[in-house]
Amino acid sequence: MVQETKEPQENKFALGKKNLQLLLIGFVIIVFGFILMVGGKSDDPTVFNYAMFNFRRVTLAPVVVLCGFLFEIYAIMKKTGNSEQTKEND
């Protein structure tokens, strides 16, 4: 019986360096969208402030957050050069 010598496996992440950079960019986009939603409160609690229903908070910010989440999905699904190196090592 022939025993194969197994080389020690290197710890490899499922995502490459480029993917992690793209994930960080997507996270920043999401945080920016939530920052756009901030504000619109009234100084006097008995007075209703219509400033909370402006375009920035109701339309722009949710679209920016949605784009950030879509960018995160792209960053996870994007293939990098690591997959080619893995195939060569097998």
C-alpha atoms as a PDB file:
ATOM      1  CA  MET A   1       0.000   0.000   0.000  1.00  0.00           C
ATOM      2  CA  VAL A   2       1.407   3.347  -1.054  1.00  0.00           C
ATOM      3  CA  GLN A   3       0.969   6.234   1.327  1.00  0.00           C
ATOM      4  CA  GLU A   4       0.616   9.673  -0.128  1.00  0.00           C
ATOM      5  CA  THR A   5       2.380  12.474   1.632  1.00  0.00           C
ATOM      6  CA  LYS A   6      -0.012  15.284   2.274  1.00  0.00           C
ATOM      7  CA  GLU A   7       1.316  18.777   2.389  1.00  0.00           C
ATOM      8  CA  PRO A   8      -0.031  20.932   5.197  1.00  0.00           C
ATOM      9  CA  GLN A   9      -3.009  22.951   4.063  1.00  0.00           C
ATOM     10  CA  GLU A  10      -2.647  26.694   4.133  1.00  0.00           C
ATOM     11  CA  ASN A  11      -5.427  28.621   5.803  1.00  0.00           C
ATOM     12  CA  LYS A  12      -7.266  30.226   2.919  1.00  0.00           C
ATOM     13  CA  PHE A  13     -10.283  32.444   3.152  1.00  0.00           C
ATOM     14  CA  ALA A  14     -13.272  31.835   0.928  1.00  0.00           C
ATOM     15  CA  LEU A  15     -12.990  35.389  -0.377  1.00  0.00           C
ATOM     16  CA  GLY A  16      -9.896  36.991  -1.808  1.00  0.00           C
ATOM     17  CA  LYS A  17      -8.336  40.317  -0.950  1.00  0.00           C
ATOM     18  CA  LYS A  18     -10.168  42.082  -3.795  1.00  0.00           C
ATOM     19  CA  ASN A  19     -13.512  40.717  -2.570  1.00  0.00           C
ATOM     20  CA  LEU A  20     -12.851  41.967   0.941  1.00  0.00           C
ATOM     21  CA  GLN A  21     -11.992  45.414  -0.404  1.00  0.00           C
ATOM     22  CA  LEU A  22     -15.241  45.461  -2.391  1.00  0.00           C
ATOM     23  CA  LEU A  23     -17.162  44.348   0.717  1.00  0.00           C
ATOM     24  CA  LEU A  24     -15.669  47.248   2.653  1.00  0.00           C
ATOM     25  CA  ILE A  25     -16.693  49.684  -0.088  1.00  0.00           C
ATOM     26  CA  GLY A  26     -20.232  48.278  -0.029  1.00  0.00           C
ATOM     27  CA  PHE A  27     -20.363  48.637   3.747  1.00  0.00           C
ATOM     28  CA  VAL A  28     -19.335  52.293   3.445  1.00  0.00           C
ATOM     29  CA  ILE A  29     -22.105  52.865   0.866  1.00  0.00           C
ATOM     30  CA  ILE A  30     -24.683  51.332   3.231  1.00  0.00           C
ATOM     31  CA  VAL A  31     -23.502  53.427   6.168  1.00  0.00           C
ATOM     32  CA  PHE A  32     -23.630  56.544   3.972  1.00  0.00           C
ATOM     33  CA  GLY A  33     -27.248  55.694   3.068  1.00  0.00           C
ATOM     34  CA  PHE A  34     -28.194  55.417   6.728  1.00  0.00           C
ATOM     35  CA  ILE A  35     -26.467  58.715   7.452  1.00  0.00           C
ATOM     36  CA  LEU A  36     -28.644  60.291   4.743  1.00  0.00           C
ATOM     37  CA  MET A  37     -31.734  59.087   6.644  1.00  0.00           C
ATOM     38  CA  VAL A  38     -30.747  60.885   9.841  1.00  0.00           C
ATOM     39  CA  GLY A  39     -32.590  63.997  10.978  1.00  0.00           C
ATOM     40  CA  GLY A  40     -36.011  65.522  10.625  1.00  0.00           C
ATOM     41  CA  LYS A  41     -36.936  65.607  14.280  1.00  0.00           C
ATOM     42  CA  SER A  42     -38.870  68.460  15.770  1.00  0.00           C
ATOM     43  CA  ASP A  43     -37.503  70.606  18.584  1.00  0.00           C
ATOM     44  CA  ASP A  44     -40.968  70.833  20.103  1.00  0.00           C
ATOM     45  CA  PRO A  45     -42.708  67.445  20.576  1.00  0.00           C
ATOM     46  CA  THR A  46     -46.150  69.028  20.196  1.00  0.00           C
ATOM     47  CA  VAL A  47     -45.347  70.339  16.693  1.00  0.00           C
ATOM     48  CA  PHE A  48     -45.244  67.980  13.723  1.00  0.00           C
ATOM     49  CA  ASN A  49     -42.226  68.524  11.477  1.00  0.00           C
ATOM     50  CA  TYR A  50     -42.749  67.755   7.784  1.00  0.00           C
ATOM     51  CA  ALA A  51     -38.981  67.883   7.173  1.00  0.00           C
ATOM     52  CA  MET A  52     -38.810  64.155   7.840  1.00  0.00           C
ATOM     53  CA  PHE A  53     -40.655  63.535   4.564  1.00  0.00           C
ATOM     54  CA  ASN A  54     -38.212  65.264   2.233  1.00  0.00           C
ATOM     55  CA  PHE A  55     -36.695  63.638  -0.871  1.00  0.00           C
ATOM     56  CA  ARG A  56     -33.359  62.851   0.778  1.00  0.00           C
ATOM     57  CA  ARG A  57     -34.822  60.766   3.627  1.00  0.00           C
ATOM     58  CA  VAL A  58     -37.716  59.089   1.828  1.00  0.00           C
ATOM     59  CA  THR A  59     -36.273  58.381  -1.625  1.00  0.00           C
ATOM     60  CA  LEU A  60     -32.544  58.970  -1.963  1.00  0.00           C
ATOM     61  CA  ALA A  61     -31.348  57.270   1.241  1.00  0.00           C
ATOM     62  CA  PRO A  62     -33.236  53.973   0.715  1.00  0.00           C
ATOM     63  CA  VAL A  63     -32.000  53.810  -2.887  1.00  0.00           C
ATOM     64  CA  VAL A  64     -28.409  54.348  -1.721  1.00  0.00           C
ATOM     65  CA  VAL A  65     -28.782  51.612   0.924  1.00  0.00           C
ATOM     66  CA  LEU A  66     -30.292  49.235  -1.645  1.00  0.00           C
ATOM     67  CA  CYS A  67     -27.400  49.950  -4.039  1.00  0.00           C
ATOM     68  CA  GLY A  68     -24.995  49.221  -1.197  1.00  0.00           C
ATOM     69  CA  PHE A  69     -26.598  45.839  -0.549  1.00  0.00           C
ATOM     70  CA  LEU A  70     -26.534  45.003  -4.270  1.00  0.00           C
ATOM     71  CA  PHE A  71     -22.868  45.982  -4.346  1.00  0.00           C
ATOM     72  CA  GLU A  72     -22.258  43.639  -1.384  1.00  0.00           C
ATOM     73  CA  ILE A  73     -23.868  40.765  -3.296  1.00  0.00           C
ATOM     74  CA  TYR A  74     -21.662  41.564  -6.296  1.00  0.00           C
ATOM     75  CA  ALA A  75     -18.572  41.670  -4.060  1.00  0.00           C
ATOM     76  CA  ILE A  76     -19.349  38.230  -2.641  1.00  0.00           C
ATOM     77  CA  MET A  77     -20.145  36.640  -6.011  1.00  0.00           C
ATOM     78  CA  LYS A  78     -17.204  38.142  -7.941  1.00  0.00           C
ATOM     79  CA  LYS A  79     -14.568  35.601  -8.874  1.00  0.00           C
ATOM     80  CA  THR A  80     -10.994  36.577  -8.217  1.00  0.00           C
ATOM     81  CA  GLY A  81      -7.611  35.210  -9.224  1.00  0.00           C
ATOM     82  CA  ASN A  82      -7.562  32.956  -6.145  1.00  0.00           C
ATOM     83  CA  SER A  83      -9.889  30.436  -7.806  1.00  0.00           C
ATOM     84  CA  GLU A  84      -7.385  29.918 -10.634  1.00  0.00           C
ATOM     85  CA  GLN A  85      -4.535  29.379  -8.171  1.00  0.00           C
ATOM     86  CA  THR A  86      -6.605  26.851  -6.257  1.00  0.00           C
ATOM     87  CA  LYS A  87      -7.261  24.858  -9.439  1.00  0.00           C
ATOM     88  CA  GLU A  88      -3.549  24.758 -10.227  1.00  0.00           C
ATOM     89  CA  ASN A  89      -2.715  23.430  -6.750  1.00  0.00           C
ATOM     90  CA  ASP A  90      -5.224  20.530  -6.991  1.00  0.00           C
END
